[in-house]
Amino acid sequence: MNLTLALLVGALTAIGVYLATSRALTRIVLGFSLLGHAAVIGLLVAGGRAGEAPVVGDAEPEELSNPLPQALSLTAIVIAFGLSLFLLALARRSRQLTDDDLVEDDLEDKRIAAAAAEHD
């Protein structure tokens, strides 16, 4: 089962990076969403097998579950949600201004690249 989840994390990461590097903001939002899901699944897989609650009970230490991956997973969920909301707001504003969701080339980057080419 861990191999299956590890392959799932790898596939989600690969697809997420592919989508996040595209020029369309809708694909970028989906890519970062998939990267967030991959992070959460990866953290839960790293936590190991499920066990008894570490706060209450009289279980042996080796039978307790590790609470750190669960806490990090909750943090990753909150960060991914905040990033998704920010990117959706950015996509909406870009759609309002340009009536398109493509990320434009930065004019300042073009100017700097042209100036660097002249000096070479």
PDB file of N, CA and C in Angstrom:
ATOM      1  N   MET A   1       0.826  -1.194   0.000  1.00  0.00           N
ATOM      2  CA  MET A   1       0.000   0.000   0.000  1.00  0.00           C
ATOM      3  C   MET A   1       0.870   1.258   0.000  1.00  0.00           C
ATOM      4  N   ASN A   2       1.999   1.227   0.712  1.00  0.00           N
ATOM      5  CA  ASN A   2       2.878   2.388   0.733  1.00  0.00           C
ATOM      6  C   ASN A   2       3.468   2.668  -0.636  1.00  0.00           C
ATOM      7  N   LEU A   3       3.754   1.617  -1.413  1.00  0.00           N
ATOM      8  CA  LEU A   3       4.281   1.809  -2.757  1.00  0.00           C
ATOM      9  C   LEU A   3       3.230   2.474  -3.636  1.00  0.00           C
ATOM     10  N   THR A   4       1.981   2.060  -3.497  1.00  0.00           N
ATOM     11  CA  THR A   4       0.902   2.662  -4.274  1.00  0.00           C
ATOM     12  C   THR A   4       0.751   4.143  -3.927  1.00  0.00           C
ATOM     13  N   LEU A   5       0.790   4.461  -2.641  1.00  0.00           N
ATOM     14  CA  LEU A   5       0.674   5.866  -2.237  1.00  0.00           C
ATOM     15  C   LEU A   5       1.890   6.676  -2.663  1.00  0.00           C
ATOM     16  N   ALA A   6       3.068   6.069  -2.631  1.00  0.00           N
ATOM     17  CA  ALA A   6       4.269   6.768  -3.092  1.00  0.00           C
ATOM     18  C   ALA A   6       4.184   7.055  -4.588  1.00  0.00           C
ATOM     19  N   LEU A   7       3.674   6.105  -5.355  1.00  0.00           N
ATOM     20  CA  LEU A   7       3.473   6.347  -6.793  1.00  0.00           C
ATOM     21  C   LEU A   7       2.416   7.417  -7.036  1.00  0.00           C
ATOM     22  N   LEU A   8       1.388   7.436  -6.200  1.00  0.00           N
ATOM     23  CA  LEU A   8       0.357   8.466  -6.313  1.00  0.00           C
ATOM     24  C   LEU A   8       0.942   9.846  -6.023  1.00  0.00           C
ATOM     25  N   VAL A   9       1.780   9.936  -5.004  1.00  0.00           N
ATOM     26  CA  VAL A   9       2.431  11.210  -4.683  1.00  0.00           C
ATOM     27  C   VAL A   9       3.311  11.656  -5.848  1.00  0.00           C
ATOM     28  N   GLY A  10       4.059  10.729  -6.422  1.00  0.00           N
ATOM     29  CA  GLY A  10       4.906  11.059  -7.567  1.00  0.00           C
ATOM     30  C   GLY A  10       4.104  11.525  -8.767  1.00  0.00           C
ATOM     31  N   ALA A  11       2.992  10.840  -9.046  1.00  0.00           N
ATOM     32  CA  ALA A  11       2.152  11.228 -10.180  1.00  0.00           C
ATOM     33  C   ALA A  11       1.502  12.587  -9.945  1.00  0.00           C
ATOM     34  N   LEU A  12       0.987  12.818  -8.747  1.00  0.00           N
ATOM     35  CA  LEU A  12       0.379  14.119  -8.449  1.00  0.00           C
ATOM     36  C   LEU A  12       1.400  15.247  -8.534  1.00  0.00           C
ATOM     37  N   THR A  13       2.614  14.982  -8.067  1.00  0.00           N
ATOM     38  CA  THR A  13       3.667  15.988  -8.135  1.00  0.00           C
ATOM     39  C   THR A  13       4.046  16.279  -9.582  1.00  0.00           C
ATOM     40  N   ALA A  14       4.202  15.246 -10.385  1.00  0.00           N
ATOM     41  CA  ALA A  14       4.572  15.441 -11.788  1.00  0.00           C
ATOM     42  C   ALA A  14       3.496  16.208 -12.545  1.00  0.00           C
ATOM     43  N   ILE A  15       2.256  15.833 -12.371  1.00  0.00           N
ATOM     44  CA  ILE A  15       1.163  16.522 -13.058  1.00  0.00           C
ATOM     45  C   ILE A  15       1.022  17.945 -12.538  1.00  0.00           C
ATOM     46  N   GLY A  16       1.189  18.126 -11.224  1.00  0.00           N
ATOM     47  CA  GLY A  16       1.092  19.456 -10.634  1.00  0.00           C
ATOM     48  C   GLY A  16       2.170  20.394 -11.143  1.00  0.00           C
ATOM     49  N   VAL A  17       3.409  19.911 -11.248  1.00  0.00           N
ATOM     50  CA  VAL A  17       4.497  20.748 -11.766  1.00  0.00           C
ATOM     51  C   VAL A  17       4.257  21.074 -13.232  1.00  0.00           C
ATOM     52  N   TYR A  18       3.781  20.090 -13.999  1.00  0.00           N
ATOM     53  CA  TYR A  18       3.485  20.338 -15.412  1.00  0.00           C
ATOM     54  C   TYR A  18       2.424  21.425 -15.566  1.00  0.00           C
ATOM     55  N   LEU A  19       1.372  21.347 -14.770  1.00  0.00           N
ATOM     56  CA  LEU A  19       0.303  22.349 -14.867  1.00  0.00           C
ATOM     57  C   LEU A  19       0.737  23.706 -14.321  1.00  0.00           C
ATOM     58  N   ALA A  20       1.537  23.714 -13.266  1.00  0.00           N
ATOM     59  CA  ALA A  20       1.955  24.978 -12.651  1.00  0.00           C
ATOM     60  C   ALA A  20       2.918  25.761 -13.534  1.00  0.00           C
ATOM     61  N   THR A  21       3.584  25.095 -14.452  1.00  0.00           N
ATOM     62  CA  THR A  21       4.518  25.795 -15.334  1.00  0.00           C
ATOM     63  C   THR A  21       3.888  26.230 -16.647  1.00  0.00           C
ATOM     64  N   SER A  22       2.590  26.081 -16.787  1.00  0.00           N
ATOM     65  CA  SER A  22       1.921  26.530 -18.009  1.00  0.00           C
ATOM     66  C   SER A  22       1.625  28.027 -17.915  1.00  0.00           C
ATOM     67  N   ARG A  23       1.099  28.587 -18.988  1.00  0.00           N
ATOM     68  CA  ARG A  23       0.842  30.026 -19.033  1.00  0.00           C
ATOM     69  C   ARG A  23      -0.591  30.384 -18.660  1.00  0.00           C
ATOM     70  N   ALA A  24      -1.492  29.427 -18.633  1.00  0.00           N
ATOM     71  CA  ALA A  24      -2.886  29.706 -18.299  1.00  0.00           C
ATOM     72  C   ALA A  24      -3.066  29.674 -16.780  1.00  0.00           C
ATOM     73  N   LEU A  25      -3.704  30.710 -16.238  1.00  0.00           N
ATOM     74  CA  LEU A  25      -3.876  30.794 -14.788  1.00  0.00           C
ATOM     75  C   LEU A  25      -4.764  29.680 -14.240  1.00  0.00           C
ATOM     76  N   THR A  26      -5.732  29.232 -15.012  1.00  0.00           N
ATOM     77  CA  THR A  26      -6.575  28.136 -14.527  1.00  0.00           C
ATOM     78  C   THR A  26      -5.758  26.858 -14.360  1.00  0.00           C
ATOM     79  N   ARG A  27      -4.833  26.610 -15.267  1.00  0.00           N
ATOM     80  CA  ARG A  27      -3.966  25.441 -15.127  1.00  0.00           C
ATOM     81  C   ARG A  27      -3.001  25.613 -13.962  1.00  0.00           C
ATOM     82  N   ILE A  28      -2.536  26.826 -13.744  1.00  0.00           N
ATOM     83  CA  ILE A  28      -1.631  27.084 -12.625  1.00  0.00           C
ATOM     84  C   ILE A  28      -2.339  26.822 -11.304  1.00  0.00           C
ATOM     85  N   VAL A  29      -3.591  27.247 -11.188  1.00  0.00           N
ATOM     86  CA  VAL A  29      -4.367  26.997  -9.967  1.00  0.00           C
ATOM     87  C   VAL A  29      -4.535  25.493  -9.750  1.00  0.00           C
ATOM     88  N   LEU A  30      -4.880  24.764 -10.800  1.00  0.00           N
ATOM     89  CA  LEU A  30      -5.036  23.312 -10.671  1.00  0.00           C
ATOM     90  C   LEU A  30      -3.710  22.636 -10.328  1.00  0.00           C
ATOM     91  N   GLY A  31      -2.620  23.125 -10.904  1.00  0.00           N
ATOM     92  CA  GLY A  31      -1.314  22.550 -10.617  1.00  0.00           C
ATOM     93  C   GLY A  31      -0.921  22.712  -9.162  1.00  0.00           C
ATOM     94  N   PHE A  32      -1.112  23.924  -8.605  1.00  0.00           N
ATOM     95  CA  PHE A  32      -0.766  24.123  -7.201  1.00  0.00           C
ATOM     96  C   PHE A  32      -1.713  23.361  -6.278  1.00  0.00           C
ATOM     97  N   SER A  33      -2.942  23.178  -6.709  1.00  0.00           N
ATOM     98  CA  SER A  33      -3.871  22.372  -5.918  1.00  0.00           C
ATOM     99  C   SER A  33      -3.400  20.912  -5.865  1.00  0.00           C
ATOM    100  N   LEU A  34      -2.969  20.385  -7.006  1.00  0.00           N
ATOM    101  CA  LEU A  34      -2.454  19.010  -7.021  1.00  0.00           C
ATOM    102  C   LEU A  34      -1.171  18.888  -6.212  1.00  0.00           C
ATOM    103  N   LEU A  35      -0.323  19.900  -6.255  1.00  0.00           N
ATOM    104  CA  LEU A  35       0.894  19.866  -5.441  1.00  0.00           C
ATOM    105  C   LEU A  35       0.556  19.873  -3.950  1.00  0.00           C
ATOM    106  N   GLY A  36      -0.477  20.606  -3.563  1.00  0.00           N
ATOM    107  CA  GLY A  36      -0.912  20.594  -2.166  1.00  0.00           C
ATOM    108  C   GLY A  36      -1.418  19.226  -1.743  1.00  0.00           C
ATOM    109  N   HIS A  37      -2.191  18.585  -2.617  1.00  0.00           N
ATOM    110  CA  HIS A  37      -2.680  17.240  -2.304  1.00  0.00           C
ATOM    111  C   HIS A  37      -1.526  16.249  -2.209  1.00  0.00           C
ATOM    112  N   ALA A  38      -0.543  16.388  -3.093  1.00  0.00           N
ATOM    113  CA  ALA A  38       0.618  15.490  -3.046  1.00  0.00           C
ATOM    114  C   ALA A  38       1.384  15.669  -1.738  1.00  0.00           C
ATOM    115  N   ALA A  39       1.501  16.903  -1.277  1.00  0.00           N
ATOM    116  CA  ALA A  39       2.212  17.160  -0.015  1.00  0.00           C
ATOM    117  C   ALA A  39       1.482  16.516   1.154  1.00  0.00           C
ATOM    118  N   VAL A  40       0.176  16.633   1.189  1.00  0.00           N
ATOM    119  CA  VAL A  40      -0.596  16.058   2.295  1.00  0.00           C
ATOM    120  C   VAL A  40      -0.497  14.534   2.286  1.00  0.00           C
ATOM    121  N   ILE A  41      -0.658  13.930   1.126  1.00  0.00           N
ATOM    122  CA  ILE A  41      -0.575  12.465   1.060  1.00  0.00           C
ATOM    123  C   ILE A  41       0.842  12.003   1.410  1.00  0.00           C
ATOM    124  N   GLY A  42       1.848  12.724   0.931  1.00  0.00           N
ATOM    125  CA  GLY A  42       3.225  12.375   1.254  1.00  0.00           C
ATOM    126  C   GLY A  42       3.510  12.444   2.744  1.00  0.00           C
ATOM    127  N   LEU A  43       2.985  13.460   3.404  1.00  0.00           N
ATOM    128  CA  LEU A  43       3.183  13.579   4.851  1.00  0.00           C
ATOM    129  C   LEU A  43       2.475  12.456   5.604  1.00  0.00           C
ATOM    130  N   LEU A  44       1.287  12.103   5.162  1.00  0.00           N
ATOM    131  CA  LEU A  44       0.564  11.029   5.846  1.00  0.00           C
ATOM    132  C   LEU A  44       1.225   9.675   5.620  1.00  0.00           C
ATOM    133  N   VAL A  45       1.784   9.467   4.428  1.00  0.00           N
ATOM    134  CA  VAL A  45       2.515   8.223   4.175  1.00  0.00           C
ATOM    135  C   VAL A  45       3.769   8.172   5.040  1.00  0.00           C
ATOM    136  N   ALA A  46       4.437   9.325   5.211  1.00  0.00           N
ATOM    137  CA  ALA A  46       5.651   9.368   6.019  1.00  0.00           C
ATOM    138  C   ALA A  46       5.358   9.109   7.495  1.00  0.00           C
ATOM    139  N   GLY A  47       4.119   9.321   7.908  1.00  0.00           N
ATOM    140  CA  GLY A  47       3.753   9.118   9.304  1.00  0.00           C
ATOM    141  C   GLY A  47       3.706   7.674   9.736  1.00  0.00           C
ATOM    142  N   GLY A  48       3.669   6.763   8.792  1.00  0.00           N
ATOM    143  CA  GLY A  48       3.653   5.343   9.143  1.00  0.00           C
ATOM    144  C   GLY A  48       2.250   4.825   9.390  1.00  0.00           C
ATOM    145  N   ARG A  49       2.196   3.682  10.033  1.00  0.00           N
ATOM    146  CA  ARG A  49       0.922   3.015  10.274  1.00  0.00           C
ATOM    147  C   ARG A  49       0.095   3.750  11.316  1.00  0.00           C
ATOM    148  N   ALA A  50      -1.201   3.584  11.228  1.00  0.00           N
ATOM    149  CA  ALA A  50      -2.101   4.168  12.220  1.00  0.00           C
ATOM    150  C   ALA A  50      -1.926   3.438  13.549  1.00  0.00           C
ATOM    151  N   GLY A  51      -2.152   4.154  14.625  1.00  0.00           N
ATOM    152  CA  GLY A  51      -2.012   3.554  15.945  1.00  0.00           C
ATOM    153  C   GLY A  51      -2.990   4.186  16.912  1.00  0.00           C
ATOM    154  N   GLU A  52      -2.743   3.982  18.174  1.00  0.00           N
ATOM    155  CA  GLU A  52      -3.586   4.565  19.212  1.00  0.00           C
ATOM    156  C   GLU A  52      -3.334   6.066  19.320  1.00  0.00           C
ATOM    157  N   ALA A  53      -4.299   6.782  19.876  1.00  0.00           N
ATOM    158  CA  ALA A  53      -4.145   8.220  20.071  1.00  0.00           C
ATOM    159  C   ALA A  53      -3.009   8.484  21.059  1.00  0.00           C
ATOM    160  N   PRO A  54      -2.099   9.400  20.730  1.00  0.00           N
ATOM    161  CA  PRO A  54      -0.939   9.610  21.599  1.00  0.00           C
ATOM    162  C   PRO A  54      -1.251  10.404  22.866  1.00  0.00           C
ATOM    163  N   VAL A  55      -2.419  10.990  22.972  1.00  0.00           N
ATOM    164  CA  VAL A  55      -2.725  11.850  24.110  1.00  0.00           C
ATOM    165  C   VAL A  55      -3.390  11.072  25.242  1.00  0.00           C
ATOM    166  N   VAL A  56      -4.320  10.209  24.899  1.00  0.00           N
ATOM    167  CA  VAL A  56      -5.069   9.478  25.924  1.00  0.00           C
ATOM    168  C   VAL A  56      -4.814   7.987  25.788  1.00  0.00           C
ATOM    169  N   GLY A  57      -5.063   7.273  26.842  1.00  0.00           N
ATOM    170  CA  GLY A  57      -4.967   5.820  26.798  1.00  0.00           C
ATOM    171  C   GLY A  57      -3.715   5.291  27.467  1.00  0.00           C
ATOM    172  N   ASP A  58      -3.687   3.958  27.593  1.00  0.00           N
ATOM    173  CA  ASP A  58      -2.576   3.293  28.265  1.00  0.00           C
ATOM    174  C   ASP A  58      -1.788   2.414  27.284  1.00  0.00           C
ATOM    175  N   ALA A  59      -1.709   2.800  26.034  1.00  0.00           N
ATOM    176  CA  ALA A  59      -1.043   1.972  25.030  1.00  0.00           C
ATOM    177  C   ALA A  59       0.475   2.055  25.185  1.00  0.00           C
ATOM    178  N   GLU A  60       1.129   1.056  24.678  1.00  0.00           N
ATOM    179  CA  GLU A  60       2.592   1.018  24.665  1.00  0.00           C
ATOM    180  C   GLU A  60       3.102   2.078  23.680  1.00  0.00           C
ATOM    181  N   PRO A  61       4.302   2.602  23.891  1.00  0.00           N
ATOM    182  CA  PRO A  61       4.831   3.652  22.997  1.00  0.00           C
ATOM    183  C   PRO A  61       4.910   3.234  21.529  1.00  0.00           C
ATOM    184  N   GLU A  62       5.199   1.968  21.264  1.00  0.00           N
ATOM    185  CA  GLU A  62       5.294   1.542  19.857  1.00  0.00           C
ATOM    186  C   GLU A  62       3.925   1.421  19.193  1.00  0.00           C
ATOM    187  N   GLU A  63       2.854   1.413  19.974  1.00  0.00           N
ATOM    188  CA  GLU A  63       1.502   1.329  19.420  1.00  0.00           C
ATOM    189  C   GLU A  63       0.882   2.706  19.176  1.00  0.00           C
ATOM    190  N   LEU A  64       1.548   3.763  19.597  1.00  0.00           N
ATOM    191  CA  LEU A  64       1.009   5.118  19.439  1.00  0.00           C
ATOM    192  C   LEU A  64       1.257   5.633  18.029  1.00  0.00           C
ATOM    193  N   SER A  65       0.339   6.450  17.539  1.00  0.00           N
ATOM    194  CA  SER A  65       0.544   7.080  16.233  1.00  0.00           C
ATOM    195  C   SER A  65       1.388   8.331  16.407  1.00  0.00           C
ATOM    196  N   ASN A  66       2.066   8.716  15.352  1.00  0.00           N
ATOM    197  CA  ASN A  66       2.925   9.888  15.378  1.00  0.00           C
ATOM    198  C   ASN A  66       2.075  11.127  15.047  1.00  0.00           C
ATOM    199  N   PRO A  67       1.946  12.079  15.967  1.00  0.00           N
ATOM    200  CA  PRO A  67       1.080  13.233  15.695  1.00  0.00           C
ATOM    201  C   PRO A  67       1.728  14.294  14.808  1.00  0.00           C
ATOM    202  N   LEU A  68       3.042  14.275  14.625  1.00  0.00           N
ATOM    203  CA  LEU A  68       3.714  15.319  13.850  1.00  0.00           C
ATOM    204  C   LEU A  68       3.293  15.340  12.381  1.00  0.00           C
ATOM    205  N   PRO A  69       3.239  14.209  11.660  1.00  0.00           N
ATOM    206  CA  PRO A  69       2.783  14.269  10.268  1.00  0.00           C
ATOM    207  C   PRO A  69       1.331  14.755  10.134  1.00  0.00           C
ATOM    208  N   GLN A  70       0.516  14.455  11.128  1.00  0.00           N
ATOM    209  CA  GLN A  70      -0.865  14.929  11.083  1.00  0.00           C
ATOM    210  C   GLN A  70      -0.919  16.442  11.237  1.00  0.00           C
ATOM    211  N   ALA A  71      -0.114  16.983  12.137  1.00  0.00           N
ATOM    212  CA  ALA A  71      -0.074  18.438  12.327  1.00  0.00           C
ATOM    213  C   ALA A  71       0.497  19.128  11.091  1.00  0.00           C
ATOM    214  N   LEU A  72       1.548  18.554  10.512  1.00  0.00           N
ATOM    215  CA  LEU A  72       2.120  19.132   9.295  1.00  0.00           C
ATOM    216  C   LEU A  72       1.145  19.042   8.128  1.00  0.00           C
ATOM    217  N   SER A  73       0.350  17.970   8.071  1.00  0.00           N
ATOM    218  CA  SER A  73      -0.653  17.833   7.009  1.00  0.00           C
ATOM    219  C   SER A  73      -1.721  18.916   7.134  1.00  0.00           C
ATOM    220  N   LEU A  74      -2.157  19.191   8.359  1.00  0.00           N
ATOM    221  CA  LEU A  74      -3.133  20.267   8.550  1.00  0.00           C
ATOM    222  C   LEU A  74      -2.554  21.617   8.130  1.00  0.00           C
ATOM    223  N   THR A  75      -1.290  21.836   8.438  1.00  0.00           N
ATOM    224  CA  THR A  75      -0.631  23.069   8.021  1.00  0.00           C
ATOM    225  C   THR A  75      -0.548  23.148   6.505  1.00  0.00           C
ATOM    226  N   ALA A  76      -0.210  22.042   5.848  1.00  0.00           N
ATOM    227  CA  ALA A  76      -0.133  22.013   4.388  1.00  0.00           C
ATOM    228  C   ALA A  76      -1.500  22.274   3.759  1.00  0.00           C
ATOM    229  N   ILE A  77      -2.555  21.766   4.367  1.00  0.00           N
ATOM    230  CA  ILE A  77      -3.908  22.005   3.851  1.00  0.00           C
ATOM    231  C   ILE A  77      -4.248  23.481   3.920  1.00  0.00           C
ATOM    232  N   VAL A  78      -3.934  24.122   5.032  1.00  0.00           N
ATOM    233  CA  VAL A  78      -4.234  25.550   5.197  1.00  0.00           C
ATOM    234  C   VAL A  78      -3.429  26.389   4.203  1.00  0.00           C
ATOM    235  N   ILE A  79      -2.156  26.066   4.027  1.00  0.00           N
ATOM    236  CA  ILE A  79      -1.323  26.814   3.084  1.00  0.00           C
ATOM    237  C   ILE A  79      -1.814  26.623   1.656  1.00  0.00           C
ATOM    238  N   ALA A  80      -2.144  25.399   1.286  1.00  0.00           N
ATOM    239  CA  ALA A  80      -2.640  25.137  -0.067  1.00  0.00           C
ATOM    240  C   ALA A  80      -3.969  25.844  -0.314  1.00  0.00           C
ATOM    241  N   PHE A  81      -4.823  25.885   0.689  1.00  0.00           N
ATOM    242  CA  PHE A  81      -6.109  26.579   0.550  1.00  0.00           C
ATOM    243  C   PHE A  81      -5.904  28.076   0.369  1.00  0.00           C
ATOM    244  N   GLY A  82      -5.025  28.658   1.177  1.00  0.00           N
ATOM    245  CA  GLY A  82      -4.742  30.089   1.046  1.00  0.00           C
ATOM    246  C   GLY A  82      -4.127  30.424  -0.302  1.00  0.00           C
ATOM    247  N   LEU A  83      -3.187  29.595  -0.778  1.00  0.00           N
ATOM    248  CA  LEU A  83      -2.566  29.826  -2.073  1.00  0.00           C
ATOM    249  C   LEU A  83      -3.583  29.682  -3.193  1.00  0.00           C
ATOM    250  N   SER A  84      -4.480  28.707  -3.088  1.00  0.00           N
ATOM    251  CA  SER A  84      -5.511  28.529  -4.106  1.00  0.00           C
ATOM    252  C   SER A  84      -6.438  29.739  -4.159  1.00  0.00           C
ATOM    253  N   LEU A  85      -6.828  30.250  -3.003  1.00  0.00           N
ATOM    254  CA  LEU A  85      -7.685  31.440  -2.990  1.00  0.00           C
ATOM    255  C   LEU A  85      -6.982  32.649  -3.584  1.00  0.00           C
ATOM    256  N   PHE A  86      -5.701  32.825  -3.267  1.00  0.00           N
ATOM    257  CA  PHE A  86      -4.947  33.940  -3.834  1.00  0.00           C
ATOM    258  C   PHE A  86      -4.843  33.816  -5.352  1.00  0.00           C
ATOM    259  N   LEU A  87      -4.544  32.617  -5.844  1.00  0.00           N
ATOM    260  CA  LEU A  87      -4.419  32.431  -7.284  1.00  0.00           C
ATOM    261  C   LEU A  87      -5.759  32.582  -7.991  1.00  0.00           C
ATOM    262  N   LEU A  88      -6.842  32.148  -7.357  1.00  0.00           N
ATOM    263  CA  LEU A  88      -8.167  32.350  -7.952  1.00  0.00           C
ATOM    264  C   LEU A  88      -8.524  33.827  -8.023  1.00  0.00           C
ATOM    265  N   ALA A  89      -8.185  34.596  -6.986  1.00  0.00           N
ATOM    266  CA  ALA A  89      -8.428  36.038  -7.020  1.00  0.00           C
ATOM    267  C   ALA A  89      -7.578  36.693  -8.096  1.00  0.00           C
ATOM    268  N   LEU A  90      -6.333  36.252  -8.237  1.00  0.00           N
ATOM    269  CA  LEU A  90      -5.459  36.777  -9.275  1.00  0.00           C
ATOM    270  C   LEU A  90      -5.988  36.448 -10.666  1.00  0.00           C
ATOM    271  N   ALA A  91      -6.482  35.227 -10.844  1.00  0.00           N
ATOM    272  CA  ALA A  91      -7.046  34.827 -12.136  1.00  0.00           C
ATOM    273  C   ALA A  91      -8.305  35.626 -12.453  1.00  0.00           C
ATOM    274  N   ARG A  92      -9.133  35.859 -11.457  1.00  0.00           N
ATOM    275  CA  ARG A  92     -10.357  36.638 -11.677  1.00  0.00           C
ATOM    276  C   ARG A  92     -10.022  38.070 -12.068  1.00  0.00           C
ATOM    277  N   ARG A  93      -9.063  38.670 -11.378  1.00  0.00           N
ATOM    278  CA  ARG A  93      -8.681  40.049 -11.690  1.00  0.00           C
ATOM    279  C   ARG A  93      -8.032  40.140 -13.066  1.00  0.00           C
ATOM    280  N   SER A  94      -7.228  39.171 -13.414  1.00  0.00           N
ATOM    281  CA  SER A  94      -6.620  39.153 -14.741  1.00  0.00           C
ATOM    282  C   SER A  94      -7.675  38.991 -15.818  1.00  0.00           C
ATOM    283  N   ARG A  95      -8.670  38.187 -15.532  1.00  0.00           N
ATOM    284  CA  ARG A  95      -9.778  37.996 -16.490  1.00  0.00           C
ATOM    285  C   ARG A  95     -10.565  39.282 -16.665  1.00  0.00           C
ATOM    286  N   GLN A  96     -10.754  40.027 -15.574  1.00  0.00           N
ATOM    287  CA  GLN A  96     -11.472  41.300 -15.666  1.00  0.00           C
ATOM    288  C   GLN A  96     -10.687  42.329 -16.465  1.00  0.00           C
ATOM    289  N   LEU A  97      -9.375  42.393 -16.266  1.00  0.00           N
ATOM    290  CA  LEU A  97      -8.563  43.420 -16.917  1.00  0.00           C
ATOM    291  C   LEU A  97      -8.253  43.109 -18.375  1.00  0.00           C
ATOM    292  N   THR A  98      -7.905  41.861 -18.667  1.00  0.00           N
ATOM    293  CA  THR A  98      -7.451  41.526 -20.013  1.00  0.00           C
ATOM    294  C   THR A  98      -8.417  40.643 -20.785  1.00  0.00           C
ATOM    295  N   ASP A  99      -9.469  40.177 -20.148  1.00  0.00           N
ATOM    296  CA  ASP A  99     -10.442  39.266 -20.762  1.00  0.00           C
ATOM    297  C   ASP A  99      -9.769  37.975 -21.255  1.00  0.00           C
ATOM    298  N   ASP A 100      -8.708  37.594 -20.555  1.00  0.00           N
ATOM    299  CA  ASP A 100      -7.971  36.392 -20.888  1.00  0.00           C
ATOM    300  C   ASP A 100      -7.300  35.875 -19.617  1.00  0.00           C
ATOM    301  N   ASP A 101      -6.973  34.598 -19.575  1.00  0.00           N
ATOM    302  CA  ASP A 101      -6.327  34.076 -18.369  1.00  0.00           C
ATOM    303  C   ASP A 101      -4.879  33.662 -18.603  1.00  0.00           C
ATOM    304  N   LEU A 102      -4.296  34.108 -19.709  1.00  0.00           N
ATOM    305  CA  LEU A 102      -2.889  33.807 -19.973  1.00  0.00           C
ATOM    306  C   LEU A 102      -1.984  34.779 -19.236  1.00  0.00           C
ATOM    307  N   VAL A 103      -0.878  34.258 -18.729  1.00  0.00           N
ATOM    308  CA  VAL A 103       0.120  35.096 -18.070  1.00  0.00           C
ATOM    309  C   VAL A 103       0.965  35.749 -19.166  1.00  0.00           C
ATOM    310  N   GLU A 104       0.991  37.055 -19.161  1.00  0.00           N
ATOM    311  CA  GLU A 104       1.730  37.792 -20.185  1.00  0.00           C
ATOM    312  C   GLU A 104       3.213  37.820 -19.856  1.00  0.00           C
ATOM    313  N   ASP A 105       4.027  38.044 -20.894  1.00  0.00           N
ATOM    314  CA  ASP A 105       5.454  38.241 -20.682  1.00  0.00           C
ATOM    315  C   ASP A 105       5.672  39.579 -19.990  1.00  0.00           C
ATOM    316  N   ASP A 106       6.622  39.613 -19.113  1.00  0.00           N
ATOM    317  CA  ASP A 106       6.926  40.838 -18.389  1.00  0.00           C
ATOM    318  C   ASP A 106       7.777  41.744 -19.281  1.00  0.00           C
ATOM    319  N   LEU A 107       7.346  42.964 -19.489  1.00  0.00           N
ATOM    320  CA  LEU A 107       8.065  43.891 -20.349  1.00  0.00           C
ATOM    321  C   LEU A 107       9.437  44.245 -19.780  1.00  0.00           C
ATOM    322  N   GLU A 108       9.536  44.344 -18.471  1.00  0.00           N
ATOM    323  CA  GLU A 108      10.822  44.657 -17.847  1.00  0.00           C
ATOM    324  C   GLU A 108      11.816  43.523 -18.059  1.00  0.00           C
ATOM    325  N   ASP A 109      11.357  42.276 -18.007  1.00  0.00           N
ATOM    326  CA  ASP A 109      12.238  41.151 -18.286  1.00  0.00           C
ATOM    327  C   ASP A 109      12.760  41.191 -19.714  1.00  0.00           C
ATOM    328  N   LYS A 110      11.888  41.550 -20.657  1.00  0.00           N
ATOM    329  CA  LYS A 110      12.317  41.666 -22.050  1.00  0.00           C
ATOM    330  C   LYS A 110      13.358  42.768 -22.204  1.00  0.00           C
ATOM    331  N   ARG A 111      13.180  43.901 -21.516  1.00  0.00           N
ATOM    332  CA  ARG A 111      14.115  45.006 -21.611  1.00  0.00           C
ATOM    333  C   ARG A 111      15.474  44.605 -21.042  1.00  0.00           C
ATOM    334  N   ILE A 112      15.475  43.917 -19.913  1.00  0.00           N
ATOM    335  CA  ILE A 112      16.728  43.497 -19.286  1.00  0.00           C
ATOM    336  C   ILE A 112      17.435  42.460 -20.164  1.00  0.00           C
ATOM    337  N   ALA A 113      16.680  41.529 -20.747  1.00  0.00           N
ATOM    338  CA  ALA A 113      17.286  40.537 -21.629  1.00  0.00           C
ATOM    339  C   ALA A 113      17.872  41.185 -22.875  1.00  0.00           C
ATOM    340  N   ALA A 114      17.197  42.199 -23.408  1.00  0.00           N
ATOM    341  CA  ALA A 114      17.724  42.898 -24.578  1.00  0.00           C
ATOM    342  C   ALA A 114      18.995  43.665 -24.222  1.00  0.00           C
ATOM    343  N   ALA A 115      19.012  44.300 -23.043  1.00  0.00           N
ATOM    344  CA  ALA A 115      20.196  45.040 -22.612  1.00  0.00           C
ATOM    345  C   ALA A 115      21.370  44.096 -22.372  1.00  0.00           C
ATOM    346  N   ALA A 116      21.102  42.914 -21.818  1.00  0.00           N
ATOM    347  CA  ALA A 116      22.165  41.926 -21.596  1.00  0.00           C
ATOM    348  C   ALA A 116      22.698  41.396 -22.913  1.00  0.00           C
ATOM    349  N   ALA A 117      21.828  41.235 -23.919  1.00  0.00           N
ATOM    350  CA  ALA A 117      22.265  40.749 -25.228  1.00  0.00           C
ATOM    351  C   ALA A 117      23.142  41.775 -25.932  1.00  0.00           C
ATOM    352  N   GLU A 118      22.887  43.061 -25.703  1.00  0.00           N
ATOM    353  CA  GLU A 118      23.700  44.111 -26.319  1.00  0.00           C
ATOM    354  C   GLU A 118      25.103  44.138 -25.742  1.00  0.00           C
ATOM    355  N   HIS A 119      25.240  43.807 -24.452  1.00  0.00           N
ATOM    356  CA  HIS A 119      26.539  43.854 -23.796  1.00  0.00           C
ATOM    357  C   HIS A 119      27.382  42.624 -24.105  1.00  0.00           C
ATOM    358  N   ASP A 120      26.768  41.576 -24.630  1.00  0.00           N
ATOM    359  CA  ASP A 120      27.521  40.342 -24.946  1.00  0.00           C
ATOM    360  C   ASP A 120      28.087  40.397 -26.296  1.00  0.00           C
TER     361      ASP A 120
END
